[in-house]
Protein backbone atom coordinates (compact mmCIF):
# COMPACT_ATOMS: atom_id res chain seq x y z
CA MET A 1 -0.12 -0.04 -0.20
CA ASN A 2 1.54 3.26 -1.17
CA VAL A 3 0.84 6.10 1.37
CA MET A 4 1.63 9.62 -0.36
CA LEU A 5 1.75 13.24 0.71
CA LEU A 6 -1.23 15.11 -0.64
CA ASP A 7 -1.10 18.60 -2.00
CA LEU A 8 -4.29 20.27 -1.04
CA LEU A 9 -3.60 23.21 -2.90
CA ASP A 10 -4.17 21.35 -6.12
CA ALA A 11 -7.75 22.00 -6.82
CA SER A 12 -8.22 18.37 -8.19
CA THR A 13 -6.75 16.53 -5.00
CA ALA A 14 -8.76 18.94 -2.63
CA ARG A 15 -11.73 17.95 -4.54
CA GLN A 16 -11.00 14.20 -4.23
CA VAL A 17 -10.36 14.80 -0.39
CA LEU A 18 -13.42 16.65 0.03
CA ALA A 19 -15.55 13.82 -1.67
CA LEU A 20 -13.84 11.20 0.22
CA GLN A 21 -14.47 13.13 3.65
CA ARG A 22 -18.10 13.70 2.91
CA MET A 23 -18.48 9.79 2.18
CA ALA A 24 -16.39 8.71 5.24
CA TYR A 25 -17.92 11.15 7.79
CA ARG A 26 -21.51 10.61 6.59
CA ILE A 27 -20.89 7.04 7.81
CA GLU A 28 -19.67 8.42 11.34
CA ALA A 29 -22.39 10.85 11.49
CA ASP A 30 -24.88 8.02 11.16
CA LEU A 31 -23.06 5.75 13.74
CA ILE A 32 -23.06 8.68 16.49
CA GLY A 33 -26.46 10.27 15.62
CA PHE A 34 -24.85 13.62 14.84
CA ASP A 35 -24.91 15.51 11.47
CA GLU A 36 -22.87 18.39 12.67
CA ILE A 37 -19.53 16.85 12.45
CA PRO A 38 -17.13 19.59 11.05
CA PRO A 39 -15.72 17.65 8.16
CA LEU A 40 -19.14 17.33 6.86
CA GLN A 41 -19.82 21.07 6.93
CA GLU A 42 -16.53 22.03 5.31
CA ASN A 43 -16.18 23.40 1.68
CA GLN A 44 -13.30 23.15 -0.65
CA GLU A 45 -11.92 26.58 0.12
CA GLU A 46 -12.06 25.88 3.97
CA LEU A 47 -10.54 22.40 3.40
CA GLN A 48 -7.74 23.97 1.32
CA ALA A 49 -6.95 26.79 4.01
CA CYS A 50 -6.48 24.23 6.90
CA LYS A 51 -3.23 23.85 8.29
CA GLU A 52 -3.15 20.26 8.61
CA VAL A 53 -0.79 17.96 6.60
CA PHE A 54 -2.62 15.21 4.57
CA PHE A 55 -1.45 11.61 3.54
CA GLY A 56 -3.28 9.74 1.13
CA VAL A 57 -3.89 6.07 -0.70
CA LYS A 58 -4.94 5.94 -4.18
CA VAL A 59 -6.26 2.73 -6.14
CA GLY A 60 -5.55 3.80 -9.56
CA GLN A 61 -6.28 7.58 -9.80
CA VAL A 62 -9.22 7.16 -6.84
CA LEU A 63 -8.35 8.41 -3.56
CA VAL A 64 -9.59 5.77 -1.01
CA GLY A 65 -8.00 6.85 2.16
CA ALA A 66 -6.61 9.78 3.88
CA ILE A 67 -5.23 11.01 7.18
CA ALA A 68 -4.64 14.77 8.31
CA HIS A 69 -2.63 15.74 11.17
CA ALA A 70 -0.66 18.79 12.57
CA ARG A 71 2.22 18.96 14.95
CA HIS A 72 2.27 21.45 17.65
CA ASP A 73 5.83 21.16 19.57
CA ASP A 74 5.93 17.19 20.83
CA VAL A 75 2.29 16.90 20.16
CA VAL A 76 0.69 15.40 16.86
CA GLU A 77 -2.91 15.91 16.55
CA ILE A 78 -4.55 13.72 14.13
CA GLY A 79 -7.47 15.65 12.94
CA ARG A 80 -9.20 13.37 10.32
CA LEU A 81 -8.86 9.81 9.24
CA MET A 82 -11.07 8.77 6.43
CA VAL A 83 -11.56 5.55 4.44
CA HIS A 84 -13.89 4.82 1.22
CA PRO A 85 -16.56 2.57 2.36
CA GLY A 86 -15.91 0.22 -0.41
CA PHE A 87 -12.19 -0.17 1.16
CA PHE A 88 -13.23 -0.86 4.87
CA ARG A 89 -11.40 -3.58 6.58
CA GLN A 90 -8.44 -3.79 4.06
CA GLY A 91 -5.70 -2.16 6.43
CA LEU A 92 -5.83 1.54 4.95
CA ALA A 93 -6.67 3.01 8.20
CA THR A 94 -4.02 1.27 9.83
CA SER A 95 -1.21 2.08 6.90
CA LEU A 96 -2.38 5.71 7.14
CA LEU A 97 -1.96 5.96 11.01
CA LEU A 98 1.30 4.13 10.90
CA GLU A 99 2.31 6.82 8.42
CA VAL A 100 1.73 9.76 10.67
CA GLU A 101 3.52 7.72 13.50
CA GLN A 102 6.64 7.08 11.39
CA ALA A 103 6.57 10.68 10.01
CA HIS A 104 6.88 11.79 13.81
CA LEU A 105 8.97 9.45 15.72
CA GLU A 106 10.38 12.00 17.79
CA ALA A 107 6.91 13.42 18.89
CA ARG A 108 6.02 12.54 22.29
CA VAL A 109 2.32 12.43 22.23
CA LEU A 110 -0.28 11.41 19.43
CA ARG A 111 -3.74 12.55 19.98
CA VAL A 112 -7.03 11.90 18.26
CA ALA A 113 -10.68 12.08 19.00
CA THR A 114 -13.66 10.20 17.51
CA GLY A 115 -17.21 9.80 18.13
CA SER A 116 -17.71 7.59 21.19
CA LEU A 117 -20.18 5.59 19.61
CA ASN A 118 -17.99 5.01 16.61
CA ILE A 119 -16.78 1.46 17.63
CA PRO A 120 -14.67 0.61 14.54
CA ALA A 121 -12.59 3.78 15.08
CA ARG A 122 -12.27 3.25 18.72
CA ARG A 123 -11.13 -0.21 18.25
CA LEU A 124 -8.43 1.00 15.62
CA TYR A 125 -6.76 3.42 18.08
CA GLU A 126 -7.08 1.10 21.01
CA THR A 127 -5.37 -1.70 18.93
CA HIS A 128 -2.66 0.74 18.05
CA GLY A 129 -1.68 1.64 21.60
CA PHE A 130 -3.99 4.74 22.14
CA LEU A 131 -5.63 5.35 25.46
CA THR A 132 -8.35 7.23 26.59
CA VAL A 133 -7.79 10.57 28.16
CA GLY A 134 -11.25 11.88 28.26
CA THR A 135 -14.52 12.70 26.67
CA LEU A 136 -15.94 16.02 25.24
CA GLU A 137 -19.59 16.76 24.75
CA VAL A 138 -19.89 18.13 21.26
CA GLY A 139 -23.85 18.27 21.05
CA PRO A 140 -26.55 17.28 23.27
CA GLY A 141 -25.95 13.77 24.42
CA VAL A 142 -23.13 13.38 21.77
CA PHE A 143 -19.57 12.50 22.88
CA MET A 144 -16.28 12.57 21.49
CA THR A 145 -13.54 10.16 23.00
CA VAL A 146 -10.21 11.73 23.26
CA TYR A 147 -7.24 9.17 22.84
CA GLU A 148 -3.53 9.71 23.41
CA LYS A 149 -0.44 7.60 22.70
CA HIS A 150 2.55 8.55 24.95
CA ARG A 151 5.99 7.66 23.50
CA GLY A 152 9.31 8.02 24.78
CA SER A 153 8.99 8.64 28.41
CA PRO A 154 8.23 5.47 30.63
CA ASP A 155 7.02 7.60 33.51
CA ILE A 156 4.17 9.41 31.82
CA GLN A 157 0.80 8.77 33.46
CA HIS A 158 -2.12 8.07 31.38
CA PRO A 159 -5.21 9.19 32.87
CA ALA A 160 -8.52 7.27 32.53
CA GLY A 161 -11.30 9.37 31.46
């Protein structure tokens, strides 16, 4: 599986990411019962203006998976992870997640949040060593679970939340 850096300043690439994002986050919205997920509201100009770095996987010319992240000092925030529904359970999300980890080997913390009712996403992060550090209420009765993966310092405590 060939993971590549995506250039969102390229309009064609941005359109592909936006289409994939809408498809993938529509499924999460249905899973968690919440339609106001920010990636579903975003337009192409907003996507292109975001400060995240995107990696993606294509099959032929079709973008089938992407991950976006931003680094702040020793913390890497994974802002979005999306896989085309036709490619679920084929290792794309794992490949994308590992690409971000490899790109930031010296980062101390990797952080991500997902809908608390999005069991497949939660399993993915937990399988890769992410631990729950809290929950956020993003709408009435709608919760996000926040995960962190700490690296490098064995004395770091992982709060349960």
